[in-house]
Amino acid sequence: MRRIELKIPDTIQLSDHDIVMRVASKLYEDGILSSGQAAELCGISKRTFIELLGKYGVSLISDSLEDLQADVANA
């Protein structure tokens, strides 16, 4: 896994975990990370990550027809 350093202004009142969750949830929403990969990035279980998605404005259900068809095929 690659490590990066972010310089966040002191005026931003977010915990380190909250920042990582925001990044991971956006990467998940954009289809760059799976839910499992995003959960691993955050250091939490996949179930916990999925449960927290709504707090970050991300839907578990994709808007993409292709994603829906893939989900149905995998079910």
PDB file of N, CA and C in Angstrom:
ATOM      1  N   MET A   1       0.852  -1.171   0.000  1.00  0.00           N
ATOM      2  CA  MET A   1       0.000   0.000   0.000  1.00  0.00           C
ATOM      3  C   MET A   1       0.900   1.237   0.000  1.00  0.00           C
ATOM      4  N   ARG A   2       0.494   2.218  -0.765  1.00  0.00           N
ATOM      5  CA  ARG A   2       1.228   3.478  -0.863  1.00  0.00           C
ATOM      6  C   ARG A   2       0.862   4.392   0.290  1.00  0.00           C
ATOM      7  N   ARG A   3       1.803   5.186   0.729  1.00  0.00           N
ATOM      8  CA  ARG A   3       1.559   6.131   1.826  1.00  0.00           C
ATOM      9  C   ARG A   3       1.687   7.546   1.269  1.00  0.00           C
ATOM     10  N   ILE A   4       0.733   8.412   1.630  1.00  0.00           N
ATOM     11  CA  ILE A   4       0.794   9.816   1.224  1.00  0.00           C
ATOM     12  C   ILE A   4       0.642  10.681   2.467  1.00  0.00           C
ATOM     13  N   GLU A   5       1.085  11.895   2.357  1.00  0.00           N
ATOM     14  CA  GLU A   5       0.958  12.842   3.461  1.00  0.00           C
ATOM     15  C   GLU A   5       0.125  14.015   2.989  1.00  0.00           C
ATOM     16  N   LEU A   6      -0.878  14.378   3.785  1.00  0.00           N
ATOM     17  CA  LEU A   6      -1.721  15.529   3.483  1.00  0.00           C
ATOM     18  C   LEU A   6      -1.468  16.609   4.516  1.00  0.00           C
ATOM     19  N   LYS A   7      -1.385  17.829   4.053  1.00  0.00           N
ATOM     20  CA  LYS A   7      -1.248  18.955   4.971  1.00  0.00           C
ATOM     21  C   LYS A   7      -2.602  19.641   5.037  1.00  0.00           C
ATOM     22  N   ILE A   8      -3.298  19.407   6.135  1.00  0.00           N
ATOM     23  CA  ILE A   8      -4.643  19.935   6.344  1.00  0.00           C
ATOM     24  C   ILE A   8      -4.549  21.156   7.257  1.00  0.00           C
ATOM     25  N   PRO A   9      -5.143  22.274   6.866  1.00  0.00           N
ATOM     26  CA  PRO A   9      -5.104  23.468   7.729  1.00  0.00           C
ATOM     27  C   PRO A   9      -5.698  23.176   9.107  1.00  0.00           C
ATOM     28  N   ASP A  10      -5.135  23.798  10.120  1.00  0.00           N
ATOM     29  CA  ASP A  10      -5.624  23.615  11.493  1.00  0.00           C
ATOM     30  C   ASP A  10      -7.071  24.074  11.653  1.00  0.00           C
ATOM     31  N   THR A  11      -7.539  24.914  10.759  1.00  0.00           N
ATOM     32  CA  THR A  11      -8.912  25.410  10.850  1.00  0.00           C
ATOM     33  C   THR A  11      -9.938  24.350  10.457  1.00  0.00           C
ATOM     34  N   ILE A  12      -9.493  23.272   9.803  1.00  0.00           N
ATOM     35  CA  ILE A  12     -10.397  22.185   9.424  1.00  0.00           C
ATOM     36  C   ILE A  12     -10.578  21.287  10.638  1.00  0.00           C
ATOM     37  N   GLN A  13     -11.788  21.238  11.149  1.00  0.00           N
ATOM     38  CA  GLN A  13     -12.068  20.504  12.381  1.00  0.00           C
ATOM     39  C   GLN A  13     -12.572  19.092  12.072  1.00  0.00           C
ATOM     40  N   LEU A  14     -11.703  18.273  11.483  1.00  0.00           N
ATOM     41  CA  LEU A  14     -12.032  16.886  11.182  1.00  0.00           C
ATOM     42  C   LEU A  14     -10.971  15.984  11.799  1.00  0.00           C
ATOM     43  N   SER A  15     -11.408  14.835  12.299  1.00  0.00           N
ATOM     44  CA  SER A  15     -10.452  13.864  12.827  1.00  0.00           C
ATOM     45  C   SER A  15      -9.733  13.187  11.663  1.00  0.00           C
ATOM     46  N   ASP A  16      -8.604  12.559  11.950  1.00  0.00           N
ATOM     47  CA  ASP A  16      -7.881  11.822  10.914  1.00  0.00           C
ATOM     48  C   ASP A  16      -8.773  10.746  10.301  1.00  0.00           C
ATOM     49  N   HIS A  17      -9.534  10.059  11.158  1.00  0.00           N
ATOM     50  CA  HIS A  17     -10.434   9.006  10.659  1.00  0.00           C
ATOM     51  C   HIS A  17     -11.481   9.585   9.714  1.00  0.00           C
ATOM     52  N   ASP A  18     -12.025  10.745  10.059  1.00  0.00           N
ATOM     53  CA  ASP A  18     -13.046  11.371   9.219  1.00  0.00           C
ATOM     54  C   ASP A  18     -12.474  11.753   7.854  1.00  0.00           C
ATOM     55  N   ILE A  19     -11.264  12.240   7.835  1.00  0.00           N
ATOM     56  CA  ILE A  19     -10.624  12.603   6.563  1.00  0.00           C
ATOM     57  C   ILE A  19     -10.410  11.358   5.706  1.00  0.00           C
ATOM     58  N   VAL A  20      -9.910  10.294   6.314  1.00  0.00           N
ATOM     59  CA  VAL A  20      -9.685   9.046   5.574  1.00  0.00           C
ATOM     60  C   VAL A  20     -11.010   8.493   5.068  1.00  0.00           C
ATOM     61  N   MET A  21     -12.067   8.551   5.885  1.00  0.00           N
ATOM     62  CA  MET A  21     -13.382   8.072   5.457  1.00  0.00           C
ATOM     63  C   MET A  21     -13.906   8.879   4.272  1.00  0.00           C
ATOM     64  N   ARG A  22     -13.705  10.182   4.294  1.00  0.00           N
ATOM     65  CA  ARG A  22     -14.167  11.018   3.185  1.00  0.00           C
ATOM     66  C   ARG A  22     -13.447  10.656   1.887  1.00  0.00           C
ATOM     67  N   VAL A  23     -12.152  10.437   1.976  1.00  0.00           N
ATOM     68  CA  VAL A  23     -11.376  10.063   0.788  1.00  0.00           C
ATOM     69  C   VAL A  23     -11.810   8.679   0.304  1.00  0.00           C
ATOM     70  N   ALA A  24     -11.890   7.732   1.218  1.00  0.00           N
ATOM     71  CA  ALA A  24     -12.249   6.360   0.844  1.00  0.00           C
ATOM     72  C   ALA A  24     -13.660   6.279   0.276  1.00  0.00           C
ATOM     73  N   SER A  25     -14.601   6.996   0.878  1.00  0.00           N
ATOM     74  CA  SER A  25     -15.978   6.946   0.384  1.00  0.00           C
ATOM     75  C   SER A  25     -16.096   7.574  -1.003  1.00  0.00           C
ATOM     76  N   LYS A  26     -15.320   8.618  -1.262  1.00  0.00           N
ATOM     77  CA  LYS A  26     -15.339   9.235  -2.595  1.00  0.00           C
ATOM     78  C   LYS A  26     -14.726   8.288  -3.631  1.00  0.00           C
ATOM     79  N   LEU A  27     -13.620   7.634  -3.274  1.00  0.00           N
ATOM     80  CA  LEU A  27     -13.001   6.674  -4.190  1.00  0.00           C
ATOM     81  C   LEU A  27     -13.933   5.485  -4.444  1.00  0.00           C
ATOM     82  N   TYR A  28     -14.668   5.081  -3.411  1.00  0.00           N
ATOM     83  CA  TYR A  28     -15.670   4.019  -3.571  1.00  0.00           C
ATOM     84  C   TYR A  28     -16.802   4.495  -4.486  1.00  0.00           C
ATOM     85  N   GLU A  29     -17.310   5.690  -4.235  1.00  0.00           N
ATOM     86  CA  GLU A  29     -18.410   6.249  -5.029  1.00  0.00           C
ATOM     87  C   GLU A  29     -18.023   6.360  -6.504  1.00  0.00           C
ATOM     88  N   ASP A  30     -16.773   6.725  -6.766  1.00  0.00           N
ATOM     89  CA  ASP A  30     -16.297   6.870  -8.149  1.00  0.00           C
ATOM     90  C   ASP A  30     -15.929   5.539  -8.799  1.00  0.00           C
ATOM     91  N   GLY A  31     -16.052   4.439  -8.054  1.00  0.00           N
ATOM     92  CA  GLY A  31     -15.774   3.123  -8.610  1.00  0.00           C
ATOM     93  C   GLY A  31     -14.292   2.792  -8.685  1.00  0.00           C
ATOM     94  N   ILE A  32     -13.469   3.552  -8.003  1.00  0.00           N
ATOM     95  CA  ILE A  32     -12.022   3.319  -8.018  1.00  0.00           C
ATOM     96  C   ILE A  32     -11.653   2.229  -7.014  1.00  0.00           C
ATOM     97  N   LEU A  33     -12.347   2.205  -5.865  1.00  0.00           N
ATOM     98  CA  LEU A  33     -12.126   1.186  -4.845  1.00  0.00           C
ATOM     99  C   LEU A  33     -13.395   0.377  -4.633  1.00  0.00           C
ATOM    100  N   SER A  34     -13.238  -0.899  -4.325  1.00  0.00           N
ATOM    101  CA  SER A  34     -14.375  -1.712  -3.897  1.00  0.00           C
ATOM    102  C   SER A  34     -14.672  -1.349  -2.443  1.00  0.00           C
ATOM    103  N   SER A  35     -15.799  -1.797  -1.937  1.00  0.00           N
ATOM    104  CA  SER A  35     -16.123  -1.510  -0.535  1.00  0.00           C
ATOM    105  C   SER A  35     -15.100  -2.153   0.393  1.00  0.00           C
ATOM    106  N   GLY A  36     -14.615  -3.329   0.039  1.00  0.00           N
ATOM    107  CA  GLY A  36     -13.597  -3.991   0.851  1.00  0.00           C
ATOM    108  C   GLY A  36     -12.280  -3.237   0.867  1.00  0.00           C
ATOM    109  N   GLN A  37     -11.868  -2.742  -0.300  1.00  0.00           N
ATOM    110  CA  GLN A  37     -10.629  -1.958  -0.381  1.00  0.00           C
ATOM    111  C   GLN A  37     -10.753  -0.657   0.392  1.00  0.00           C
ATOM    112  N   ALA A  38     -11.904  -0.008   0.267  1.00  0.00           N
ATOM    113  CA  ALA A  38     -12.131   1.251   0.976  1.00  0.00           C
ATOM    114  C   ALA A  38     -12.136   1.025   2.482  1.00  0.00           C
ATOM    115  N   ALA A  39     -12.756  -0.066   2.920  1.00  0.00           N
ATOM    116  CA  ALA A  39     -12.775  -0.400   4.346  1.00  0.00           C
ATOM    117  C   ALA A  39     -11.362  -0.647   4.856  1.00  0.00           C
ATOM    118  N   GLU A  40     -10.569  -1.363   4.076  1.00  0.00           N
ATOM    119  CA  GLU A  40      -9.182  -1.630   4.464  1.00  0.00           C
ATOM    120  C   GLU A  40      -8.400  -0.324   4.581  1.00  0.00           C
ATOM    121  N   LEU A  41      -8.609   0.590   3.648  1.00  0.00           N
ATOM    122  CA  LEU A  41      -7.949   1.891   3.695  1.00  0.00           C
ATOM    123  C   LEU A  41      -8.275   2.619   5.004  1.00  0.00           C
ATOM    124  N   CYS A  42      -9.509   2.469   5.466  1.00  0.00           N
ATOM    125  CA  CYS A  42      -9.957   3.135   6.690  1.00  0.00           C
ATOM    126  C   CYS A  42      -9.584   2.371   7.960  1.00  0.00           C
ATOM    127  N   GLY A  43      -9.182   1.121   7.793  1.00  0.00           N
ATOM    128  CA  GLY A  43      -8.849   0.313   8.964  1.00  0.00           C
ATOM    129  C   GLY A  43     -10.075  -0.162   9.728  1.00  0.00           C
ATOM    130  N   ILE A  44     -11.180  -0.357   8.993  1.00  0.00           N
ATOM    131  CA  ILE A  44     -12.421  -0.820   9.609  1.00  0.00           C
ATOM    132  C   ILE A  44     -12.953  -2.002   8.802  1.00  0.00           C
ATOM    133  N   SER A  45     -13.965  -2.666   9.342  1.00  0.00           N
ATOM    134  CA  SER A  45     -14.562  -3.793   8.618  1.00  0.00           C
ATOM    135  C   SER A  45     -15.381  -3.290   7.430  1.00  0.00           C
ATOM    136  N   LYS A  46     -15.588  -4.174   6.488  1.00  0.00           N
ATOM    137  CA  LYS A  46     -16.410  -3.830   5.316  1.00  0.00           C
ATOM    138  C   LYS A  46     -17.829  -3.455   5.761  1.00  0.00           C
ATOM    139  N   ARG A  47     -18.364  -4.198   6.714  1.00  0.00           N
ATOM    140  CA  ARG A  47     -19.713  -3.916   7.203  1.00  0.00           C
ATOM    141  C   ARG A  47     -19.794  -2.516   7.807  1.00  0.00           C
ATOM    142  N   THR A  48     -18.806  -2.161   8.624  1.00  0.00           N
ATOM    143  CA  THR A  48     -18.796  -0.830   9.245  1.00  0.00           C
ATOM    144  C   THR A  48     -18.681   0.254   8.183  1.00  0.00           C
ATOM    145  N   PHE A  49     -17.813   0.039   7.188  1.00  0.00           N
ATOM    146  CA  PHE A  49     -17.667   1.018   6.109  1.00  0.00           C
ATOM    147  C   PHE A  49     -19.012   1.241   5.409  1.00  0.00           C
ATOM    148  N   ILE A  50     -19.681   0.150   5.068  1.00  0.00           N
ATOM    149  CA  ILE A  50     -20.973   0.241   4.376  1.00  0.00           C
ATOM    150  C   ILE A  50     -21.989   0.980   5.240  1.00  0.00           C
ATOM    151  N   GLU A  51     -21.986   0.691   6.555  1.00  0.00           N
ATOM    152  CA  GLU A  51     -22.926   1.357   7.457  1.00  0.00           C
ATOM    153  C   GLU A  51     -22.663   2.853   7.569  1.00  0.00           C
ATOM    154  N   LEU A  52     -21.404   3.270   7.387  1.00  0.00           N
ATOM    155  CA  LEU A  52     -21.043   4.686   7.521  1.00  0.00           C
ATOM    156  C   LEU A  52     -21.194   5.491   6.224  1.00  0.00           C
ATOM    157  N   LEU A  53     -21.392   4.840   5.098  1.00  0.00           N
ATOM    158  CA  LEU A  53     -21.450   5.550   3.819  1.00  0.00           C
ATOM    159  C   LEU A  53     -22.462   6.695   3.802  1.00  0.00           C
ATOM    160  N   GLY A  54     -23.638   6.482   4.364  1.00  0.00           N
ATOM    161  CA  GLY A  54     -24.676   7.512   4.360  1.00  0.00           C
ATOM    162  C   GLY A  54     -24.240   8.783   5.062  1.00  0.00           C
ATOM    163  N   LYS A  55     -23.441   8.633   6.116  1.00  0.00           N
ATOM    164  CA  LYS A  55     -22.936   9.797   6.851  1.00  0.00           C
ATOM    165  C   LYS A  55     -22.089  10.697   5.946  1.00  0.00           C
ATOM    166  N   TYR A  56     -21.483  10.103   4.919  1.00  0.00           N
ATOM    167  CA  TYR A  56     -20.616  10.850   4.005  1.00  0.00           C
ATOM    168  C   TYR A  56     -21.301  11.136   2.664  1.00  0.00           C
ATOM    169  N   GLY A  57     -22.614  10.953   2.627  1.00  0.00           N
ATOM    170  CA  GLY A  57     -23.391  11.306   1.438  1.00  0.00           C
ATOM    171  C   GLY A  57     -23.221  10.361   0.266  1.00  0.00           C
ATOM    172  N   VAL A  58     -22.835   9.119   0.549  1.00  0.00           N
ATOM    173  CA  VAL A  58     -22.606   8.141  -0.516  1.00  0.00           C
ATOM    174  C   VAL A  58     -23.639   7.030  -0.386  1.00  0.00           C
ATOM    175  N   SER A  59     -24.274   6.700  -1.497  1.00  0.00           N
ATOM    176  CA  SER A  59     -25.255   5.624  -1.520  1.00  0.00           C
ATOM    177  C   SER A  59     -24.575   4.295  -1.815  1.00  0.00           C
ATOM    178  N   LEU A  60     -25.028   3.265  -1.143  1.00  0.00           N
ATOM    179  CA  LEU A  60     -24.522   1.927  -1.415  1.00  0.00           C
ATOM    180  C   LEU A  60     -25.015   1.434  -2.766  1.00  0.00           C
ATOM    181  N   ILE A  61     -26.160   1.951  -3.181  1.00  0.00           N
ATOM    182  CA  ILE A  61     -26.770   1.543  -4.443  1.00  0.00           C
ATOM    183  C   ILE A  61     -26.254   2.438  -5.556  1.00  0.00           C
ATOM    184  N   SER A  62     -25.680   1.836  -6.570  1.00  0.00           N
ATOM    185  CA  SER A  62     -25.112   2.582  -7.692  1.00  0.00           C
ATOM    186  C   SER A  62     -26.209   3.092  -8.615  1.00  0.00           C
ATOM    187  N   ASP A  63     -25.952   4.205  -9.256  1.00  0.00           N
ATOM    188  CA  ASP A  63     -26.880   4.756 -10.240  1.00  0.00           C
ATOM    189  C   ASP A  63     -26.661   4.148 -11.620  1.00  0.00           C
ATOM    190  N   SER A  64     -25.592   3.409 -11.794  1.00  0.00           N
ATOM    191  CA  SER A  64     -25.206   2.883 -13.089  1.00  0.00           C
ATOM    192  C   SER A  64     -25.985   1.612 -13.436  1.00  0.00           C
ATOM    193  N   LEU A  65     -26.526   1.543 -14.640  1.00  0.00           N
ATOM    194  CA  LEU A  65     -27.232   0.355 -15.112  1.00  0.00           C
ATOM    195  C   LEU A  65     -26.272  -0.835 -15.178  1.00  0.00           C
ATOM    196  N   GLU A  66     -25.037  -0.582 -15.595  1.00  0.00           N
ATOM    197  CA  GLU A  66     -24.053  -1.657 -15.693  1.00  0.00           C
ATOM    198  C   GLU A  66     -23.766  -2.257 -14.320  1.00  0.00           C
ATOM    199  N   ASP A  67     -23.651  -1.398 -13.307  1.00  0.00           N
ATOM    200  CA  ASP A  67     -23.421  -1.889 -11.951  1.00  0.00           C
ATOM    201  C   ASP A  67     -24.600  -2.702 -11.453  1.00  0.00           C
ATOM    202  N   LEU A  68     -25.802  -2.243 -11.757  1.00  0.00           N
ATOM    203  CA  LEU A  68     -26.997  -2.975 -11.351  1.00  0.00           C
ATOM    204  C   LEU A  68     -27.027  -4.358 -12.010  1.00  0.00           C
ATOM    205  N   GLN A  69     -26.728  -4.411 -13.293  1.00  0.00           N
ATOM    206  CA  GLN A  69     -26.723  -5.688 -14.006  1.00  0.00           C
ATOM    207  C   GLN A  69     -25.647  -6.616 -13.444  1.00  0.00           C
ATOM    208  N   ALA A  70     -24.501  -6.069 -13.101  1.00  0.00           N
ATOM    209  CA  ALA A  70     -23.425  -6.886 -12.518  1.00  0.00           C
ATOM    210  C   ALA A  70     -23.845  -7.404 -11.145  1.00  0.00           C
ATOM    211  N   ASP A  71     -24.501  -6.567 -10.346  1.00  0.00           N
ATOM    212  CA  ASP A  71     -24.972  -6.992  -9.032  1.00  0.00           C
ATOM    213  C   ASP A  71     -25.996  -8.109  -9.145  1.00  0.00           C
ATOM    214  N   VAL A  72     -26.916  -7.985 -10.096  1.00  0.00           N
ATOM    215  CA  VAL A  72     -27.927  -9.018 -10.305  1.00  0.00           C
ATOM    216  C   VAL A  72     -27.266 -10.318 -10.760  1.00  0.00           C
ATOM    217  N   ALA A  73     -26.286 -10.215 -11.646  1.00  0.00           N
ATOM    218  CA  ALA A  73     -25.592 -11.406 -12.138  1.00  0.00           C
ATOM    219  C   ALA A  73     -24.808 -12.101 -11.030  1.00  0.00           C
ATOM    220  N   ASN A  74     -24.286 -11.320 -10.101  1.00  0.00           N
ATOM    221  CA  ASN A  74     -23.493 -11.891  -8.999  1.00  0.00           C
ATOM    222  C   ASN A  74     -24.363 -12.411  -7.859  1.00  0.00           C
ATOM    223  N   ALA A  75     -25.644 -12.056  -7.861  1.00  0.00           N
ATOM    224  CA  ALA A  75     -26.531 -12.450  -6.747  1.00  0.00           C
ATOM    225  C   ALA A  75     -26.893 -13.921  -6.799  1.00  0.00           C
TER     226      ALA A  75
END
